[in-house]
Amino acid sequence: MAGKICPKCGQFTFFETVSGRKCTKCGYTMIVPANEGKGGRGQKCSNCGQFTVFNGKCRTCGASYQ
């Protein structure tokens, strides 16, 4: 299974991880931070497993993180 093209080494080895993307060949990483709900994905909720935690609260299940 081929990943996306890596911006550093140019190979199709850029795979999605929990926090963003990582190249398995050269080790280049891209971190996708939470964007306050204005596009992008939030942090992963440990209760429901969705990436919908913004400002300490999950928008899917309502769990709050303090």
N, C-alpha and C. Protein backbone atom coordinates (compact mmCIF):
# COMPACT_ATOMS: atom_id res chain seq x y z
N MET A 1 0.84 -1.17 0.00
CA MET A 1 0.00 0.00 0.00
C MET A 1 0.89 1.24 0.00
N ALA A 2 0.70 2.10 -0.97
CA ALA A 2 1.51 3.30 -1.09
C ALA A 2 0.89 4.45 -0.31
N GLY A 3 1.74 5.25 0.29
CA GLY A 3 1.28 6.43 1.02
C GLY A 3 1.31 7.64 0.11
N LYS A 4 1.26 8.80 0.70
CA LYS A 4 1.37 10.05 -0.05
C LYS A 4 2.85 10.30 -0.35
N ILE A 5 3.12 11.25 -1.23
CA ILE A 5 4.51 11.56 -1.59
C ILE A 5 5.14 12.43 -0.49
N CYS A 6 6.32 12.04 -0.07
CA CYS A 6 7.04 12.76 0.98
C CYS A 6 7.65 14.03 0.40
N PRO A 7 7.45 15.19 1.06
CA PRO A 7 8.03 16.43 0.55
C PRO A 7 9.55 16.49 0.67
N LYS A 8 10.15 15.64 1.51
CA LYS A 8 11.60 15.67 1.70
C LYS A 8 12.33 14.73 0.75
N CYS A 9 11.93 13.44 0.72
CA CYS A 9 12.67 12.47 -0.10
C CYS A 9 12.00 12.17 -1.44
N GLY A 10 10.73 12.58 -1.63
CA GLY A 10 10.06 12.39 -2.90
C GLY A 10 9.52 11.00 -3.16
N GLN A 11 9.52 10.13 -2.18
CA GLN A 11 9.01 8.77 -2.33
C GLN A 11 7.57 8.70 -1.80
N PHE A 12 6.84 7.64 -2.20
CA PHE A 12 5.47 7.45 -1.75
C PHE A 12 5.45 6.68 -0.43
N THR A 13 6.08 7.25 0.59
CA THR A 13 6.21 6.60 1.89
C THR A 13 5.76 7.52 3.02
N PHE A 14 4.84 8.43 2.75
CA PHE A 14 4.37 9.42 3.71
C PHE A 14 3.01 8.97 4.22
N PHE A 15 2.99 8.31 5.40
CA PHE A 15 1.77 7.70 5.92
C PHE A 15 1.17 8.51 7.06
N GLU A 16 -0.15 8.40 7.22
CA GLU A 16 -0.87 9.11 8.28
C GLU A 16 -0.68 8.41 9.61
N THR A 17 -0.40 9.22 10.65
CA THR A 17 -0.28 8.71 12.02
C THR A 17 -1.34 9.40 12.88
N VAL A 18 -1.31 9.15 14.17
CA VAL A 18 -2.29 9.75 15.08
C VAL A 18 -2.15 11.27 15.13
N SER A 19 -0.93 11.77 15.12
CA SER A 19 -0.72 13.21 15.27
C SER A 19 -0.45 13.94 13.96
N GLY A 20 -0.42 13.28 12.84
CA GLY A 20 -0.15 13.93 11.56
C GLY A 20 0.29 12.92 10.52
N ARG A 21 1.47 13.12 9.92
CA ARG A 21 2.02 12.19 8.93
C ARG A 21 3.49 11.96 9.20
N LYS A 22 4.00 10.79 8.78
CA LYS A 22 5.41 10.47 8.97
C LYS A 22 5.90 9.65 7.78
N CYS A 23 7.11 9.96 7.31
CA CYS A 23 7.73 9.21 6.23
C CYS A 23 8.47 8.02 6.83
N THR A 24 8.21 6.84 6.29
CA THR A 24 8.86 5.64 6.82
C THR A 24 10.27 5.46 6.27
N LYS A 25 10.62 6.19 5.22
CA LYS A 25 11.95 6.06 4.64
C LYS A 25 12.96 7.03 5.26
N CYS A 26 12.63 8.33 5.28
CA CYS A 26 13.59 9.32 5.77
C CYS A 26 13.26 9.82 7.18
N GLY A 27 12.08 9.51 7.72
CA GLY A 27 11.73 9.92 9.07
C GLY A 27 11.12 11.31 9.18
N TYR A 28 10.86 11.98 8.06
CA TYR A 28 10.26 13.32 8.07
C TYR A 28 8.86 13.23 8.69
N THR A 29 8.54 14.15 9.62
CA THR A 29 7.23 14.15 10.25
C THR A 29 6.52 15.47 10.04
N MET A 30 5.20 15.41 9.94
CA MET A 30 4.36 16.59 9.82
C MET A 30 3.29 16.46 10.89
N ILE A 31 3.20 17.44 11.78
CA ILE A 31 2.23 17.40 12.87
C ILE A 31 1.06 18.31 12.51
N VAL A 32 -0.16 17.76 12.61
CA VAL A 32 -1.36 18.53 12.33
C VAL A 32 -1.99 18.92 13.66
N PRO A 33 -1.84 20.18 14.10
CA PRO A 33 -2.39 20.58 15.40
C PRO A 33 -3.89 20.85 15.33
N ALA A 34 -4.53 20.86 16.48
CA ALA A 34 -5.94 21.25 16.54
C ALA A 34 -6.04 22.71 16.15
N ASN A 35 -7.12 23.06 15.49
CA ASN A 35 -7.24 24.40 14.94
C ASN A 35 -8.45 25.13 15.52
N GLU A 36 -8.71 24.93 16.79
CA GLU A 36 -9.81 25.62 17.48
C GLU A 36 -11.15 25.42 16.77
N GLY A 37 -11.31 24.31 16.06
CA GLY A 37 -12.58 24.02 15.41
C GLY A 37 -12.79 24.72 14.08
N LYS A 38 -11.79 25.43 13.59
CA LYS A 38 -11.92 26.15 12.33
C LYS A 38 -11.19 25.39 11.23
N GLY A 39 -11.63 24.19 10.94
CA GLY A 39 -10.97 23.36 9.96
C GLY A 39 -9.91 22.52 10.63
N GLY A 40 -9.38 21.56 9.95
CA GLY A 40 -8.40 20.67 10.54
C GLY A 40 -9.07 19.71 11.50
N ARG A 41 -8.30 18.86 12.11
CA ARG A 41 -8.89 17.93 13.05
C ARG A 41 -8.39 18.23 14.45
N GLY A 42 -9.21 17.90 15.42
CA GLY A 42 -8.85 18.14 16.81
C GLY A 42 -8.02 17.00 17.37
N GLN A 43 -7.88 16.99 18.66
CA GLN A 43 -7.16 15.92 19.33
C GLN A 43 -8.07 14.70 19.44
N LYS A 44 -7.47 13.53 19.63
CA LYS A 44 -8.24 12.30 19.70
C LYS A 44 -8.88 12.16 21.09
N CYS A 45 -10.16 11.84 21.10
CA CYS A 45 -10.89 11.63 22.34
C CYS A 45 -10.64 10.20 22.80
N SER A 46 -10.24 10.03 24.05
CA SER A 46 -9.97 8.69 24.57
C SER A 46 -11.26 7.95 24.90
N ASN A 47 -12.38 8.65 24.93
CA ASN A 47 -13.67 8.02 25.22
C ASN A 47 -14.31 7.44 23.96
N CYS A 48 -14.51 8.27 22.92
CA CYS A 48 -15.20 7.81 21.72
C CYS A 48 -14.27 7.49 20.56
N GLY A 49 -13.01 7.91 20.62
CA GLY A 49 -12.04 7.59 19.58
C GLY A 49 -12.05 8.53 18.39
N GLN A 50 -12.86 9.57 18.40
CA GLN A 50 -12.92 10.52 17.30
C GLN A 50 -11.93 11.66 17.53
N PHE A 51 -11.54 12.34 16.45
CA PHE A 51 -10.62 13.47 16.54
C PHE A 51 -11.42 14.77 16.65
N THR A 52 -12.20 14.90 17.71
CA THR A 52 -13.10 16.04 17.86
C THR A 52 -12.95 16.74 19.20
N VAL A 53 -11.76 16.73 19.79
CA VAL A 53 -11.53 17.42 21.07
C VAL A 53 -10.95 18.80 20.78
N PHE A 54 -11.73 19.84 21.07
CA PHE A 54 -11.31 21.22 20.91
C PHE A 54 -11.54 21.95 22.23
N ASN A 55 -10.56 22.72 22.68
CA ASN A 55 -10.66 23.51 23.91
C ASN A 55 -11.03 22.66 25.12
N GLY A 56 -10.51 21.44 25.18
CA GLY A 56 -10.73 20.59 26.34
C GLY A 56 -12.06 19.88 26.40
N LYS A 57 -12.84 19.88 25.31
CA LYS A 57 -14.13 19.20 25.32
C LYS A 57 -14.36 18.50 23.98
N CYS A 58 -14.87 17.26 24.05
CA CYS A 58 -15.16 16.50 22.84
C CYS A 58 -16.50 16.94 22.29
N ARG A 59 -16.55 17.24 21.00
CA ARG A 59 -17.79 17.68 20.38
C ARG A 59 -18.70 16.52 20.00
N THR A 60 -18.18 15.30 20.00
CA THR A 60 -19.00 14.15 19.64
C THR A 60 -19.73 13.58 20.86
N CYS A 61 -18.98 13.24 21.90
CA CYS A 61 -19.59 12.57 23.06
C CYS A 61 -19.75 13.49 24.27
N GLY A 62 -19.13 14.66 24.26
CA GLY A 62 -19.29 15.61 25.36
C GLY A 62 -18.31 15.45 26.51
N ALA A 63 -17.34 14.54 26.39
CA ALA A 63 -16.36 14.35 27.45
C ALA A 63 -15.51 15.61 27.60
N SER A 64 -15.21 15.98 28.84
CA SER A 64 -14.39 17.17 29.06
C SER A 64 -13.05 16.76 29.65
N TYR A 65 -11.99 17.45 29.23
CA TYR A 65 -10.63 17.18 29.67
C TYR A 65 -10.11 18.38 30.43
N GLN A 66 -9.55 18.13 31.62
CA GLN A 66 -9.07 19.23 32.44
C GLN A 66 -7.64 19.03 32.83
